[in-house]
């Protein structure tokens, strides 16, 4: 299970615990969400390798819903393109470009 380095509530350095020693925030749900994101990312990539593009799209959407990053957006854009959702793929690609401040 992946651990956070700092508490998102009070920013104190964390060790191997699911409750912050300083502010007592329960971090277990956030940790599980991170693990869920990792699992959906792996399943999306595996589905791509097996040419199961609708499954890839499903898992890429779940991955991005939990962890909205340029990487998750690119994976979802790729899946959307492969199943013919061109408008969504283009929108996600543009968001990645704008967020990265890269001229198009």
N, C-alpha and C. Protein backbone atom coordinates (compact mmCIF):
# COMPACT_ATOMS: atom_id res chain seq x y z
N UNK A 1 0.84 -1.18 0.00
CA UNK A 1 0.00 0.00 0.00
C UNK A 1 0.89 1.24 0.00
N UNK A 2 0.56 2.19 -0.84
CA UNK A 2 1.40 3.38 -0.94
C UNK A 2 1.05 4.36 0.18
N UNK A 3 2.09 4.96 0.75
CA UNK A 3 1.89 5.90 1.86
C UNK A 3 2.20 7.32 1.41
N UNK A 4 1.52 8.26 2.03
CA UNK A 4 1.78 9.68 1.79
C UNK A 4 2.98 10.08 2.63
N UNK A 5 3.69 11.10 2.18
CA UNK A 5 4.83 11.60 2.93
C UNK A 5 4.40 12.58 4.01
N UNK A 6 3.43 13.44 3.68
CA UNK A 6 2.95 14.45 4.62
C UNK A 6 1.44 14.36 4.76
N UNK A 7 0.95 14.73 5.93
CA UNK A 7 -0.49 14.77 6.18
C UNK A 7 -1.10 15.88 5.32
N UNK A 8 -2.17 15.58 4.57
CA UNK A 8 -2.79 16.62 3.74
C UNK A 8 -3.56 17.67 4.56
N UNK A 9 -3.80 17.39 5.82
CA UNK A 9 -4.52 18.33 6.68
C UNK A 9 -3.56 19.31 7.34
N UNK A 10 -2.53 18.79 8.02
CA UNK A 10 -1.64 19.68 8.80
C UNK A 10 -0.21 19.71 8.27
N UNK A 11 0.08 18.90 7.24
CA UNK A 11 1.38 18.88 6.56
C UNK A 11 2.52 18.32 7.42
N UNK A 12 2.21 17.64 8.51
CA UNK A 12 3.27 17.03 9.31
C UNK A 12 3.81 15.80 8.60
N UNK A 13 5.08 15.49 8.82
CA UNK A 13 5.71 14.33 8.22
C UNK A 13 5.07 13.06 8.79
N UNK A 14 4.76 12.12 7.91
CA UNK A 14 4.10 10.88 8.32
C UNK A 14 5.08 9.72 8.33
N UNK A 15 4.80 8.77 9.18
CA UNK A 15 5.50 7.48 9.15
C UNK A 15 4.48 6.46 8.70
N UNK A 16 4.65 5.21 9.03
CA UNK A 16 3.71 4.16 8.61
C UNK A 16 2.48 4.14 9.50
N UNK A 17 1.56 5.07 9.28
CA UNK A 17 0.33 5.08 10.06
C UNK A 17 -0.81 5.57 9.19
N UNK A 18 -2.02 5.23 9.59
CA UNK A 18 -3.19 5.68 8.85
C UNK A 18 -3.91 6.81 9.58
N UNK A 19 -3.41 7.20 10.75
CA UNK A 19 -3.95 8.34 11.50
C UNK A 19 -2.78 9.28 11.79
N UNK A 20 -2.96 10.56 11.47
CA UNK A 20 -1.90 11.54 11.71
C UNK A 20 -1.68 11.70 13.21
N UNK A 21 -0.41 11.64 13.62
CA UNK A 21 -0.10 11.75 15.05
C UNK A 21 -0.33 13.15 15.58
N UNK A 22 -0.30 14.13 14.70
CA UNK A 22 -0.45 15.51 15.14
C UNK A 22 -1.91 15.96 15.19
N UNK A 23 -2.63 15.84 14.06
CA UNK A 23 -4.01 16.35 14.02
C UNK A 23 -5.06 15.26 14.12
N UNK A 24 -4.61 14.00 14.16
CA UNK A 24 -5.50 12.83 14.31
C UNK A 24 -6.42 12.61 13.11
N UNK A 25 -6.08 13.16 11.95
CA UNK A 25 -6.88 12.93 10.75
C UNK A 25 -6.76 11.46 10.34
N UNK A 26 -7.90 10.87 9.98
CA UNK A 26 -7.92 9.48 9.51
C UNK A 26 -7.53 9.48 8.03
N UNK A 27 -6.38 8.93 7.71
CA UNK A 27 -5.85 8.94 6.36
C UNK A 27 -6.11 7.64 5.62
N UNK A 28 -6.74 6.70 6.28
CA UNK A 28 -6.98 5.38 5.70
C UNK A 28 -7.74 5.44 4.39
N UNK A 29 -8.79 6.25 4.33
CA UNK A 29 -9.60 6.32 3.11
C UNK A 29 -8.79 6.93 1.96
N UNK A 30 -7.99 7.94 2.24
CA UNK A 30 -7.15 8.53 1.19
C UNK A 30 -6.12 7.52 0.68
N UNK A 31 -5.57 6.75 1.59
CA UNK A 31 -4.59 5.74 1.20
C UNK A 31 -5.25 4.68 0.32
N UNK A 32 -6.46 4.26 0.70
CA UNK A 32 -7.20 3.26 -0.10
C UNK A 32 -7.55 3.83 -1.48
N UNK A 33 -7.89 5.12 -1.53
CA UNK A 33 -8.20 5.74 -2.83
C UNK A 33 -6.97 5.73 -3.74
N UNK A 34 -5.81 5.99 -3.17
CA UNK A 34 -4.58 5.94 -3.94
C UNK A 34 -4.31 4.54 -4.48
N UNK A 35 -4.58 3.56 -3.65
CA UNK A 35 -4.41 2.16 -4.07
C UNK A 35 -5.42 1.82 -5.17
N UNK A 36 -6.66 2.28 -5.03
CA UNK A 36 -7.67 2.05 -6.07
C UNK A 36 -7.23 2.66 -7.40
N UNK A 37 -6.68 3.87 -7.34
CA UNK A 37 -6.22 4.53 -8.55
C UNK A 37 -5.13 3.70 -9.22
N UNK A 38 -4.19 3.22 -8.44
CA UNK A 38 -3.10 2.40 -8.98
C UNK A 38 -3.64 1.13 -9.64
N UNK A 39 -4.61 0.49 -8.99
CA UNK A 39 -5.20 -0.73 -9.54
C UNK A 39 -5.90 -0.46 -10.86
N UNK A 40 -6.68 0.63 -10.93
CA UNK A 40 -7.39 0.95 -12.18
C UNK A 40 -6.42 1.34 -13.28
N UNK A 41 -5.33 2.00 -12.93
CA UNK A 41 -4.31 2.32 -13.94
C UNK A 41 -3.74 1.03 -14.52
N UNK A 42 -3.38 0.10 -13.65
CA UNK A 42 -2.82 -1.18 -14.12
C UNK A 42 -3.82 -1.93 -15.00
N UNK A 43 -5.09 -1.95 -14.58
CA UNK A 43 -6.11 -2.65 -15.36
C UNK A 43 -6.33 -1.99 -16.71
N UNK A 44 -6.27 -0.66 -16.77
CA UNK A 44 -6.42 0.04 -18.05
C UNK A 44 -5.27 -0.32 -18.98
N UNK A 45 -4.05 -0.33 -18.46
CA UNK A 45 -2.89 -0.66 -19.30
C UNK A 45 -2.93 -2.11 -19.77
N UNK A 46 -3.36 -3.01 -18.90
CA UNK A 46 -3.48 -4.41 -19.27
C UNK A 46 -4.56 -4.59 -20.35
N UNK A 47 -5.67 -3.89 -20.19
CA UNK A 47 -6.74 -3.96 -21.19
C UNK A 47 -6.23 -3.47 -22.55
N UNK A 48 -5.41 -2.43 -22.55
CA UNK A 48 -4.83 -1.94 -23.80
C UNK A 48 -3.98 -3.02 -24.46
N UNK A 49 -3.13 -3.67 -23.67
CA UNK A 49 -2.25 -4.71 -24.21
C UNK A 49 -3.06 -5.86 -24.81
N UNK A 50 -4.27 -6.07 -24.28
CA UNK A 50 -5.12 -7.16 -24.75
C UNK A 50 -6.18 -6.69 -25.75
N UNK A 51 -6.04 -5.45 -26.25
CA UNK A 51 -6.98 -4.89 -27.23
C UNK A 51 -8.42 -4.84 -26.74
N UNK A 52 -8.60 -4.68 -25.43
CA UNK A 52 -9.95 -4.55 -24.84
C UNK A 52 -10.15 -3.06 -24.53
N UNK A 53 -10.46 -2.29 -25.57
CA UNK A 53 -10.45 -0.83 -25.45
C UNK A 53 -11.60 -0.27 -24.61
N UNK A 54 -12.75 -0.91 -24.63
CA UNK A 54 -13.85 -0.43 -23.78
C UNK A 54 -13.52 -0.66 -22.30
N UNK A 55 -12.88 -1.78 -22.00
CA UNK A 55 -12.43 -2.01 -20.62
C UNK A 55 -11.35 -1.00 -20.25
N UNK A 56 -10.47 -0.72 -21.19
CA UNK A 56 -9.42 0.28 -20.95
C UNK A 56 -10.06 1.62 -20.61
N UNK A 57 -11.06 2.00 -21.38
CA UNK A 57 -11.76 3.27 -21.16
C UNK A 57 -12.40 3.30 -19.77
N UNK A 58 -13.07 2.22 -19.39
CA UNK A 58 -13.71 2.15 -18.08
C UNK A 58 -12.69 2.36 -16.96
N UNK A 59 -11.60 1.63 -17.01
CA UNK A 59 -10.59 1.71 -15.94
C UNK A 59 -9.83 3.04 -15.98
N UNK A 60 -9.59 3.56 -17.17
CA UNK A 60 -8.93 4.87 -17.28
C UNK A 60 -9.81 5.97 -16.68
N UNK A 61 -11.13 5.87 -16.90
CA UNK A 61 -12.05 6.85 -16.29
C UNK A 61 -12.02 6.75 -14.77
N UNK A 62 -12.02 5.53 -14.25
CA UNK A 62 -11.97 5.34 -12.80
C UNK A 62 -10.65 5.88 -12.24
N UNK A 63 -9.56 5.60 -12.93
CA UNK A 63 -8.24 6.08 -12.51
C UNK A 63 -8.24 7.60 -12.46
N UNK A 64 -8.72 8.25 -13.51
CA UNK A 64 -8.71 9.71 -13.55
C UNK A 64 -9.67 10.32 -12.54
N UNK A 65 -10.77 9.63 -12.22
CA UNK A 65 -11.72 10.18 -11.25
C UNK A 65 -11.11 10.23 -9.85
N UNK A 66 -10.17 9.35 -9.57
CA UNK A 66 -9.52 9.32 -8.26
C UNK A 66 -8.25 10.16 -8.27
N UNK A 67 -7.50 10.11 -9.35
CA UNK A 67 -6.23 10.83 -9.42
C UNK A 67 -6.18 11.61 -10.74
N UNK A 68 -6.61 12.85 -10.68
CA UNK A 68 -6.65 13.69 -11.89
C UNK A 68 -5.28 14.34 -12.11
N UNK A 69 -4.49 13.68 -12.92
CA UNK A 69 -3.14 14.14 -13.24
C UNK A 69 -2.98 14.17 -14.76
N UNK A 70 -1.95 14.82 -15.26
CA UNK A 70 -1.73 14.77 -16.71
C UNK A 70 -1.57 13.32 -17.22
N UNK A 71 -0.94 12.48 -16.43
CA UNK A 71 -0.77 11.08 -16.83
C UNK A 71 -2.11 10.36 -16.96
N UNK A 72 -2.98 10.54 -15.95
CA UNK A 72 -4.29 9.88 -16.01
C UNK A 72 -5.14 10.46 -17.14
N UNK A 73 -4.99 11.75 -17.40
CA UNK A 73 -5.73 12.38 -18.51
C UNK A 73 -5.25 11.84 -19.85
N UNK A 74 -3.95 11.66 -20.01
CA UNK A 74 -3.42 11.11 -21.27
C UNK A 74 -3.90 9.67 -21.48
N UNK A 75 -3.92 8.89 -20.41
CA UNK A 75 -4.39 7.51 -20.53
C UNK A 75 -5.87 7.49 -20.93
N UNK A 76 -6.67 8.34 -20.29
CA UNK A 76 -8.09 8.40 -20.64
C UNK A 76 -8.28 8.93 -22.06
N UNK A 77 -7.51 9.91 -22.47
CA UNK A 77 -7.60 10.44 -23.83
C UNK A 77 -7.27 9.34 -24.85
N UNK A 78 -6.27 8.55 -24.56
CA UNK A 78 -5.90 7.46 -25.47
C UNK A 78 -7.03 6.44 -25.57
N UNK A 79 -7.61 6.09 -24.43
CA UNK A 79 -8.72 5.13 -24.43
C UNK A 79 -9.92 5.70 -25.17
N UNK A 80 -10.21 6.97 -24.94
CA UNK A 80 -11.34 7.60 -25.61
C UNK A 80 -11.14 7.58 -27.13
N UNK A 81 -9.94 7.88 -27.56
CA UNK A 81 -9.64 7.86 -29.00
C UNK A 81 -9.85 6.47 -29.58
N UNK A 82 -9.42 5.46 -28.85
CA UNK A 82 -9.51 4.08 -29.35
C UNK A 82 -10.95 3.59 -29.47
N UNK A 83 -11.87 4.16 -28.71
CA UNK A 83 -13.28 3.72 -28.83
C UNK A 83 -14.13 4.74 -29.58
N UNK A 84 -13.47 5.72 -30.18
CA UNK A 84 -14.19 6.65 -31.03
C UNK A 84 -14.76 7.88 -30.36
N UNK A 85 -14.38 8.14 -29.13
CA UNK A 85 -14.83 9.34 -28.43
C UNK A 85 -13.82 10.46 -28.68
N UNK A 86 -13.80 10.91 -29.92
CA UNK A 86 -12.78 11.85 -30.39
C UNK A 86 -12.89 13.19 -29.67
N UNK A 87 -14.11 13.68 -29.45
CA UNK A 87 -14.28 14.97 -28.77
C UNK A 87 -13.69 14.95 -27.37
N UNK A 88 -13.96 13.87 -26.64
CA UNK A 88 -13.41 13.75 -25.28
C UNK A 88 -11.88 13.65 -25.33
N UNK A 89 -11.37 12.86 -26.25
CA UNK A 89 -9.91 12.72 -26.38
C UNK A 89 -9.27 14.07 -26.65
N UNK A 90 -9.86 14.84 -27.55
CA UNK A 90 -9.31 16.15 -27.88
C UNK A 90 -9.38 17.09 -26.68
N UNK A 91 -10.50 17.10 -25.97
CA UNK A 91 -10.66 17.96 -24.80
C UNK A 91 -9.61 17.63 -23.74
N UNK A 92 -9.41 16.36 -23.46
CA UNK A 92 -8.41 15.94 -22.47
C UNK A 92 -7.01 16.32 -22.92
N UNK A 93 -6.73 16.12 -24.19
CA UNK A 93 -5.41 16.46 -24.71
C UNK A 93 -5.16 17.96 -24.57
N UNK A 94 -6.17 18.78 -24.90
CA UNK A 94 -6.02 20.23 -24.76
C UNK A 94 -5.80 20.62 -23.30
N UNK A 95 -6.51 19.99 -22.38
CA UNK A 95 -6.33 20.28 -20.97
C UNK A 95 -4.90 19.99 -20.54
N UNK A 96 -4.35 18.89 -21.02
CA UNK A 96 -2.96 18.55 -20.69
C UNK A 96 -2.02 19.61 -21.23
N UNK A 97 -2.28 20.09 -22.43
CA UNK A 97 -1.42 21.10 -23.05
C UNK A 97 -1.50 22.41 -22.29
N UNK A 98 -2.70 22.84 -21.92
CA UNK A 98 -2.89 24.10 -21.21
C UNK A 98 -2.27 24.02 -19.82
N UNK A 99 -2.49 22.91 -19.12
CA UNK A 99 -1.94 22.75 -17.77
C UNK A 99 -0.43 22.68 -17.76
N UNK A 100 0.15 22.22 -18.85
CA UNK A 100 1.61 22.12 -18.93
C UNK A 100 2.23 23.41 -19.48
N UNK A 101 1.37 24.36 -19.87
CA UNK A 101 1.85 25.62 -20.45
C UNK A 101 2.72 25.38 -21.67
N UNK A 102 2.33 24.40 -22.45
CA UNK A 102 3.06 24.07 -23.67
C UNK A 102 2.30 24.66 -24.85
N UNK A 103 2.95 25.43 -25.71
CA UNK A 103 2.24 25.95 -26.87
C UNK A 103 1.82 24.82 -27.80
N UNK A 104 0.64 24.97 -28.35
CA UNK A 104 0.11 23.93 -29.25
C UNK A 104 0.33 24.32 -30.68
